[in-house]
Amino acid sequence: MLNTKIIGNKITLARKKMNVSQAQLAQRLFISPQAVGKWERGESMPDIITLNRLAAILTVDLNYFSEGLEPMADEIISVEFSEKEPTELKSSSIVQSSPEVKEKKLTWDMSDGNWVDADFSGLKNLNEKFSSSNMQRCKFIGSNLSGLLLKNNHVDNCDFSSSDISNSQFQNSHLVGNLFNDTLLKAAEFSKSYIKGCDFSDANLTGVRLQKSSHVESSGFSNSDISSGHIQNSSLASNIFNDCCLEEAEFLESHIKGCDFSGSEFTGTKFKSGSFVDNTIEDARWNRTSFIGIQLEDIIFEGSLEDCSFENCTFKRVTFQNSTLINTFFKNNSLKRIQFIGCKVDKITYAFLKNGKADMADITLLTP
């Protein structure tokens, strides 16, 4: 929690530097001078919204209230001079500060709050919890929220653009209509969370973890980096993943339906024990991509597939159209339900398809 005495000292310093009286400051904040006096004496503390207004009035950054204080006037080291040696200091008269003393870093604790239209933009060192808080239309633009824990939160229509939320955890939270454009979410973890209508365009989501029955719906991830992401036991519905990087990502026991992956990179991506239904994959790139025990339905593969594998999958209305398949493994009792239109395959892929009783009528064997 914040130290009210330190906050009070900071308000006093900034107010005096501006040559503003307590009464004048109170008038600009539409509060009583007595309230300002209580703040400065450390008897109470303004809420975060009022701190925002204070920062603007006193022309300081909001972080001024959350970082360690500079020495106060009564903390200045006193020094005595010898009459005989006026230019030399008595070593015994200097109060030495301990080398072990470190600058105090204060942290914000917004737990159990109800924040509406608050502006936290540019805030740093926000590594305490917002647990069990509700937030609506708040701004966190350019803030440092790394290591943050959000638990049992409702976060609606907030703006986290260009902020750092890496290594953070979202547990059992509802995120609706939020902006995460160009946000650093590296190694962030979402568990038992519901995400709808959020915009993660151009975000860095490398190593992100989405798990424990999380659900993401109608959200945008265009041009985002989700490489090495781990999506397990979750569902993705009607999301936009245009031109995303999904290299080495894993989708385990997850259900993906109605999403647009046009232009996305699936090199080394693994799909296992889930479903991939009615998704758009135009101009997607497939290399070392594996589908294991996946239900594939209403999917059209185009372009090149190299070193890919389809093992023990079920196929329903799946088409390979004008595709070139090289060293692509099919292991299934029957591939009759797959439609191949104008496809070219190498010798080993041809053998896998023939062994699976695929319709070879419109498949051409590539010549060496």
Protein backbone atom coordinates (compact mmCIF):
# COMPACT_ATOMS: atom_id res chain seq x y z
CA MET A 1 0.00 0.00 0.00
CA LEU A 2 1.08 3.60 -0.49
CA ASN A 3 2.65 5.47 2.42
CA THR A 4 0.33 8.40 3.16
CA LYS A 5 3.09 10.38 4.88
CA ILE A 6 5.36 10.15 1.85
CA ILE A 7 2.53 11.07 -0.51
CA GLY A 8 1.70 14.04 1.70
CA ASN A 9 5.30 15.25 1.65
CA LYS A 10 5.35 14.97 -2.12
CA ILE A 11 2.16 17.00 -2.49
CA THR A 12 3.62 19.66 -0.19
CA LEU A 13 6.89 19.86 -2.14
CA ALA A 14 5.17 20.12 -5.52
CA ARG A 15 2.61 22.66 -4.25
CA LYS A 16 5.27 24.94 -2.76
CA LYS A 17 7.38 24.66 -5.87
CA MET A 18 4.38 25.94 -7.83
CA ASN A 19 3.93 28.71 -5.24
CA VAL A 20 0.33 27.63 -4.67
CA SER A 21 -1.41 27.78 -1.30
CA GLN A 22 -3.48 24.95 0.15
CA ALA A 23 -6.60 27.04 -0.38
CA GLN A 24 -5.76 27.71 -4.03
CA LEU A 25 -5.04 24.04 -4.67
CA ALA A 26 -8.27 23.02 -2.95
CA GLN A 27 -10.23 25.48 -5.09
CA ARG A 28 -8.84 24.00 -8.29
CA LEU A 29 -9.69 20.49 -7.09
CA PHE A 30 -13.17 21.53 -5.90
CA ILE A 31 -12.48 20.27 -2.39
CA SER A 32 -11.94 21.89 1.01
CA PRO A 33 -8.56 23.28 2.17
CA GLN A 34 -8.90 20.99 5.18
CA ALA A 35 -8.77 17.96 2.87
CA VAL A 36 -5.52 19.20 1.33
CA GLY A 37 -4.14 19.76 4.82
CA LYS A 38 -4.97 16.18 5.80
CA TRP A 39 -3.19 14.87 2.71
CA GLU A 40 -0.06 16.86 3.45
CA ARG A 41 -0.03 15.75 7.10
CA GLY A 42 -0.37 12.13 6.01
CA GLU A 43 -3.75 11.70 7.69
CA SER A 44 -5.49 10.67 4.48
CA MET A 45 -4.70 10.19 0.81
CA PRO A 46 -6.40 11.19 -2.46
CA ASP A 47 -7.77 8.46 -4.68
CA ILE A 48 -6.14 7.66 -8.02
CA ILE A 49 -8.49 9.88 -10.02
CA THR A 50 -7.71 12.86 -7.79
CA LEU A 51 -3.99 12.03 -8.01
CA ASN A 52 -4.32 12.29 -11.78
CA ARG A 53 -5.80 15.77 -11.41
CA LEU A 54 -3.14 16.71 -8.86
CA ALA A 55 -0.40 15.62 -11.24
CA ALA A 56 -1.84 17.82 -13.98
CA ILE A 57 -2.25 20.86 -11.71
CA LEU A 58 1.19 20.51 -10.12
CA THR A 59 2.82 19.73 -13.51
CA VAL A 60 4.36 16.45 -12.38
CA ASP A 61 4.17 12.96 -13.81
CA LEU A 62 1.82 10.56 -12.06
CA ASN A 63 4.84 8.38 -11.29
CA TYR A 64 6.08 11.20 -9.04
CA PHE A 65 3.68 9.92 -6.39
CA SER A 66 4.74 6.27 -6.68
CA GLU A 67 8.53 6.57 -6.68
CA GLY A 68 10.94 7.13 -3.79
CA LEU A 69 11.16 10.61 -2.32
CA GLU A 70 14.14 12.84 -2.80
CA PRO A 71 15.64 14.02 0.51
CA MET A 72 13.44 16.49 2.36
CA ALA A 73 14.83 19.69 3.86
CA ASP A 74 14.96 18.16 7.34
CA GLU A 75 16.79 15.12 5.95
CA ILE A 76 19.78 17.09 4.59
CA ILE A 77 23.05 16.00 6.17
CA SER A 78 24.36 18.53 8.68
CA VAL A 79 28.07 19.39 8.55
CA GLU A 80 30.20 21.21 11.14
CA PHE A 81 33.34 23.15 10.23
CA SER A 82 36.42 23.44 12.44
CA GLU A 83 37.53 26.97 13.26
CA LYS A 84 41.14 25.92 12.88
CA GLU A 85 40.59 24.07 9.66
CA PRO A 86 37.71 25.86 7.95
CA THR A 87 38.11 24.04 4.66
CA GLU A 88 38.17 20.55 6.11
CA LEU A 89 35.22 18.58 7.34
CA LYS A 90 35.22 16.73 10.61
CA SER A 91 34.69 13.12 9.69
CA SER A 92 32.87 12.53 12.95
CA SER A 93 30.34 15.26 12.19
CA ILE A 94 29.12 13.78 8.90
CA VAL A 95 26.08 11.56 9.14
CA GLN A 96 26.88 8.70 6.80
CA SER A 97 24.03 6.90 5.14
CA SER A 98 24.20 3.14 5.22
CA PRO A 99 25.23 1.57 1.90
CA GLU A 100 22.55 -1.03 2.50
CA VAL A 101 19.77 1.55 2.43
CA LYS A 102 18.06 1.47 -0.93
CA GLU A 103 15.65 3.91 -2.49
CA LYS A 104 12.11 3.06 -1.53
CA LYS A 105 9.89 1.96 -4.38
CA LEU A 106 6.24 2.31 -3.63
CA THR A 107 3.63 0.13 -5.24
CA TRP A 108 0.01 0.70 -6.08
CA ASP A 109 -2.62 -1.66 -4.72
CA MET A 110 -5.95 -1.17 -6.47
CA SER A 111 -7.56 -4.39 -5.26
CA ASP A 112 -11.31 -4.47 -4.67
CA GLY A 113 -11.78 -1.16 -6.45
CA ASN A 114 -14.36 0.08 -8.91
CA TRP A 115 -12.52 2.25 -11.43
CA VAL A 116 -14.42 4.21 -14.07
CA ASP A 117 -12.87 6.68 -16.57
CA ALA A 118 -9.57 6.72 -14.65
CA ASP A 119 -6.36 7.59 -16.49
CA PHE A 120 -3.35 5.45 -15.49
CA SER A 121 -1.42 6.26 -18.69
CA GLY A 122 2.35 6.23 -18.35
CA LEU A 123 2.21 4.70 -14.87
CA LYS A 124 5.30 2.71 -13.88
CA ASN A 125 6.08 0.12 -11.24
CA LEU A 126 2.48 -1.05 -11.21
CA ASN A 127 3.41 -4.54 -10.07
CA GLU A 128 0.82 -4.82 -7.32
CA LYS A 129 -2.57 -6.36 -7.88
CA PHE A 130 -5.80 -5.05 -9.31
CA SER A 131 -7.42 -8.24 -8.00
CA SER A 132 -11.20 -8.36 -7.75
CA SER A 133 -11.54 -4.90 -9.26
CA ASN A 134 -13.91 -3.69 -11.94
CA MET A 135 -12.52 -1.29 -14.55
CA GLN A 136 -14.47 0.58 -17.20
CA ARG A 137 -13.14 2.99 -19.82
CA CYS A 138 -9.81 3.35 -18.02
CA LYS A 139 -6.59 4.30 -19.83
CA PHE A 140 -3.28 2.50 -19.37
CA ILE A 141 -1.60 3.85 -22.52
CA GLY A 142 2.17 3.38 -22.39
CA SER A 143 2.07 2.06 -18.83
CA ASN A 144 4.42 -0.50 -17.34
CA LEU A 145 2.18 -3.27 -16.02
CA SER A 146 4.68 -6.12 -16.30
CA GLY A 147 4.18 -8.85 -13.74
CA LEU A 148 0.65 -7.68 -13.00
CA LEU A 149 -1.92 -10.09 -11.57
CA LEU A 150 -5.55 -9.60 -12.57
CA LYS A 151 -7.83 -12.01 -10.75
CA ASN A 152 -11.64 -12.10 -10.83
CA ASN A 153 -11.69 -8.80 -12.73
CA HIS A 154 -14.21 -7.27 -15.09
CA VAL A 155 -12.29 -5.05 -17.49
CA ASP A 156 -14.44 -3.30 -20.10
CA ASN A 157 -13.53 -0.82 -22.85
CA CYS A 158 -10.12 0.04 -21.41
CA ASP A 159 -7.11 1.16 -23.46
CA PHE A 160 -3.80 -0.68 -22.87
CA SER A 161 -2.21 0.47 -26.14
CA SER A 162 1.62 0.49 -26.24
CA SER A 163 1.84 -0.74 -22.65
CA ASP A 164 4.06 -3.46 -21.19
CA ILE A 165 1.98 -6.29 -19.71
CA SER A 166 4.61 -9.00 -20.13
CA ASN A 167 4.75 -11.87 -17.62
CA SER A 168 1.33 -10.90 -16.29
CA GLN A 169 -1.50 -13.20 -15.26
CA PHE A 170 -5.20 -12.89 -16.03
CA GLN A 171 -7.15 -15.37 -13.91
CA ASN A 172 -10.89 -15.91 -14.05
CA SER A 173 -11.35 -12.47 -15.59
CA HIS A 174 -13.74 -10.94 -18.14
CA LEU A 175 -12.09 -8.71 -20.74
CA VAL A 176 -14.56 -7.05 -23.11
CA GLY A 177 -13.96 -4.36 -25.74
CA ASN A 178 -10.41 -3.51 -24.64
CA LEU A 179 -7.56 -2.16 -26.79
CA PHE A 180 -4.19 -3.92 -26.65
CA ASN A 181 -2.72 -2.42 -29.84
CA ASP A 182 1.07 -2.61 -30.05
CA THR A 183 1.13 -3.98 -26.50
CA LEU A 184 3.86 -6.19 -25.06
CA LEU A 185 2.13 -9.30 -23.69
CA LYS A 186 5.13 -11.59 -23.87
CA ALA A 187 4.73 -14.71 -21.69
CA ALA A 188 1.39 -13.42 -20.36
CA GLU A 189 -1.00 -16.07 -19.03
CA PHE A 190 -4.77 -16.17 -19.42
CA SER A 191 -6.58 -18.88 -17.46
CA LYS A 192 -10.32 -19.40 -17.02
CA SER A 193 -10.83 -16.04 -18.71
CA TYR A 194 -13.41 -14.70 -21.14
CA ILE A 195 -12.18 -12.32 -23.84
CA LYS A 196 -14.56 -10.70 -26.32
CA GLY A 197 -14.29 -7.82 -28.78
CA CYS A 198 -10.72 -6.96 -27.83
CA ASP A 199 -8.11 -5.64 -30.27
CA PHE A 200 -4.62 -7.17 -30.02
CA SER A 201 -3.39 -5.86 -33.40
CA ASP A 202 0.41 -5.56 -33.70
CA ALA A 203 0.81 -6.97 -30.18
CA ASN A 204 3.76 -9.07 -29.05
CA LEU A 205 2.19 -12.23 -27.62
CA THR A 206 5.22 -14.50 -27.92
CA GLY A 207 5.04 -17.34 -25.44
CA VAL A 208 1.53 -16.37 -24.34
CA ARG A 209 -0.48 -19.05 -22.52
CA LEU A 210 -4.24 -19.41 -22.94
CA GLN A 211 -5.56 -22.26 -20.86
CA LYS A 212 -8.06 -23.78 -18.46
CA SER A 213 -11.26 -23.28 -20.45
CA SER A 214 -10.51 -19.74 -21.56
CA HIS A 215 -12.66 -18.38 -24.39
CA VAL A 216 -11.68 -15.76 -26.97
CA GLU A 217 -14.39 -14.43 -29.27
CA SER A 218 -14.73 -11.72 -31.93
CA SER A 219 -11.29 -10.28 -31.19
CA GLY A 220 -8.60 -9.00 -33.55
CA PHE A 221 -4.99 -10.21 -33.65
CA SER A 222 -3.90 -8.91 -37.06
CA ASN A 223 -0.12 -8.57 -37.48
CA SER A 224 0.47 -9.86 -33.97
CA ASP A 225 3.26 -12.24 -32.98
CA ILE A 226 1.94 -15.33 -31.19
CA SER A 227 4.99 -17.49 -31.87
CA SER A 228 5.67 -20.20 -29.27
CA GLY A 229 2.23 -19.55 -27.82
CA HIS A 230 0.52 -22.32 -25.84
CA ILE A 231 -3.25 -22.59 -26.21
CA GLN A 232 -4.69 -25.49 -24.23
CA ASN A 233 -8.23 -26.59 -23.39
CA SER A 234 -9.60 -23.31 -24.72
CA SER A 235 -11.85 -22.08 -27.51
CA LEU A 236 -11.35 -19.47 -30.22
CA ALA A 237 -14.40 -18.27 -32.14
CA SER A 238 -14.81 -15.67 -34.91
CA ASN A 239 -11.44 -14.01 -34.33
CA ILE A 240 -9.24 -12.26 -36.92
CA PHE A 241 -5.63 -13.50 -37.14
CA ASN A 242 -4.64 -11.91 -40.47
CA ASP A 243 -0.88 -11.94 -41.13
CA CYS A 244 -0.09 -13.35 -37.70
CA CYS A 245 3.07 -15.20 -36.79
CA LEU A 246 2.12 -18.52 -35.19
CA GLU A 247 5.49 -20.23 -35.55
CA GLU A 248 6.05 -23.08 -33.09
CA ALA A 249 2.70 -22.36 -31.41
CA GLU A 250 0.71 -25.22 -29.84
CA PHE A 251 -3.06 -25.69 -29.88
CA LEU A 252 -3.84 -28.57 -27.54
CA GLU A 253 -7.35 -29.85 -26.83
CA SER A 254 -8.68 -26.56 -28.16
CA HIS A 255 -11.54 -25.71 -30.49
CA ILE A 256 -11.05 -23.13 -33.23
CA LYS A 257 -14.05 -22.09 -35.28
CA GLY A 258 -14.93 -19.32 -37.70
CA CYS A 259 -11.56 -17.56 -37.47
CA ASP A 260 -9.66 -15.83 -40.27
CA PHE A 261 -5.98 -16.83 -40.51
CA SER A 262 -5.36 -15.32 -43.96
CA GLY A 263 -1.68 -14.68 -44.60
CA SER A 264 -0.58 -16.22 -41.32
CA GLU A 265 2.59 -18.18 -40.67
CA PHE A 266 2.12 -21.75 -39.35
CA THR A 267 5.71 -22.98 -39.50
CA GLY A 268 6.23 -25.60 -36.80
CA THR A 269 2.70 -25.11 -35.44
CA LYS A 270 1.09 -28.08 -33.69
CA PHE A 271 -2.64 -28.85 -33.46
CA LYS A 272 -3.54 -31.81 -31.25
CA SER A 273 -6.79 -33.28 -29.93
CA GLY A 274 -9.25 -30.55 -30.79
CA SER A 275 -11.13 -29.11 -33.75
CA PHE A 276 -10.38 -26.73 -36.62
CA VAL A 277 -13.71 -25.83 -38.20
CA ASP A 278 -14.84 -23.31 -40.83
CA ASN A 279 -11.68 -21.21 -40.65
CA THR A 280 -10.29 -19.09 -43.50
CA ILE A 281 -6.64 -19.87 -44.27
CA GLU A 282 -6.10 -18.11 -47.59
CA ASP A 283 -2.40 -17.48 -48.36
CA ALA A 284 -1.36 -19.07 -45.08
CA ARG A 285 2.07 -20.70 -44.98
CA TRP A 286 2.39 -24.34 -43.89
CA ASN A 287 5.74 -25.87 -43.07
CA ARG A 288 6.37 -28.57 -40.47
CA THR A 289 2.78 -28.09 -39.35
CA SER A 290 1.18 -31.07 -37.62
CA PHE A 291 -2.47 -32.01 -37.11
CA ILE A 292 -2.86 -34.91 -34.67
CA GLY A 293 -6.29 -36.23 -33.72
CA ILE A 294 -7.92 -33.05 -35.03
CA GLN A 295 -11.45 -32.70 -36.39
CA LEU A 296 -11.03 -30.78 -39.66
CA GLU A 297 -14.25 -29.45 -41.13
CA ASP A 298 -15.14 -26.92 -43.85
CA ILE A 299 -11.50 -26.08 -44.58
CA ILE A 300 -9.83 -25.24 -47.91
CA PHE A 301 -6.05 -25.67 -48.10
CA GLU A 302 -4.28 -23.80 -50.89
CA GLY A 303 -0.67 -23.17 -51.81
CA SER A 304 2.28 -25.25 -50.62
CA LEU A 305 2.43 -27.65 -47.71
CA GLU A 306 5.86 -29.05 -46.91
CA ASP A 307 6.92 -31.49 -44.20
CA CYS A 308 3.42 -31.37 -42.72
CA SER A 309 1.46 -34.23 -41.15
CA PHE A 310 -2.19 -35.22 -40.74
CA GLU A 311 -2.34 -38.09 -38.28
CA ASN A 312 -5.55 -39.79 -37.12
CA CYS A 313 -7.65 -36.77 -38.09
CA THR A 314 -11.29 -36.74 -39.14
CA PHE A 315 -12.17 -34.90 -42.34
CA LYS A 316 -15.49 -33.36 -43.30
CA ARG A 317 -15.79 -31.09 -46.33
CA VAL A 318 -12.02 -30.60 -46.46
CA THR A 319 -10.50 -29.55 -49.79
CA PHE A 320 -6.93 -29.24 -51.04
CA GLN A 321 -7.20 -26.87 -53.98
CA ASN A 322 -4.34 -26.03 -56.35
CA SER A 323 -1.98 -27.20 -53.65
CA THR A 324 1.54 -28.58 -53.81
CA LEU A 325 2.20 -31.17 -51.11
CA ILE A 326 5.79 -32.19 -50.43
CA ASN A 327 6.84 -34.79 -47.88
CA THR A 328 3.43 -34.49 -46.24
CA PHE A 329 2.33 -37.40 -44.09
CA PHE A 330 -1.25 -38.72 -44.00
CA LYS A 331 -2.08 -41.48 -41.53
CA ASN A 332 -5.74 -42.40 -41.61
CA ASN A 333 -7.84 -45.45 -42.38
CA SER A 334 -9.73 -43.58 -45.06
CA LEU A 335 -9.04 -40.31 -46.87
CA LYS A 336 -12.05 -40.64 -49.17
CA ARG A 337 -13.78 -37.59 -47.68
CA ILE A 338 -10.95 -35.26 -48.72
CA GLN A 339 -11.36 -33.54 -52.08
CA PHE A 340 -8.21 -32.86 -54.10
CA ILE A 341 -8.54 -30.31 -56.92
CA GLY A 342 -5.59 -29.57 -59.21
CA CYS A 343 -3.01 -30.77 -56.69
CA LYS A 344 0.62 -31.75 -57.19
CA VAL A 345 2.42 -34.10 -54.82
CA ASP A 346 5.82 -35.71 -54.50
CA LYS A 347 6.37 -39.46 -54.54
CA ILE A 348 6.22 -40.06 -50.78
CA THR A 349 3.06 -37.98 -50.34
CA TYR A 350 1.49 -39.79 -53.30
CA ALA A 351 2.16 -43.10 -51.57
CA PHE A 352 0.55 -41.92 -48.30
CA LEU A 353 -2.57 -40.71 -50.14
CA LYS A 354 -2.91 -43.86 -52.19
CA ASN A 355 -2.52 -46.03 -49.10
CA GLY A 356 -5.30 -44.04 -47.41
CA LYS A 357 -7.60 -44.63 -50.40
CA ALA A 358 -7.81 -40.96 -51.32
CA ASP A 359 -9.42 -39.92 -54.60
CA MET A 360 -6.35 -39.57 -56.84
CA ALA A 361 -8.21 -38.42 -59.97
CA ASP A 362 -7.04 -34.80 -59.86
CA ILE A 363 -3.64 -35.38 -58.25
CA THR A 364 -0.49 -35.08 -60.35
CA LEU A 365 2.79 -36.70 -59.37
CA LEU A 366 5.68 -34.24 -59.38
CA THR A 367 8.61 -35.28 -61.53
CA PRO A 368 12.14 -35.09 -60.09
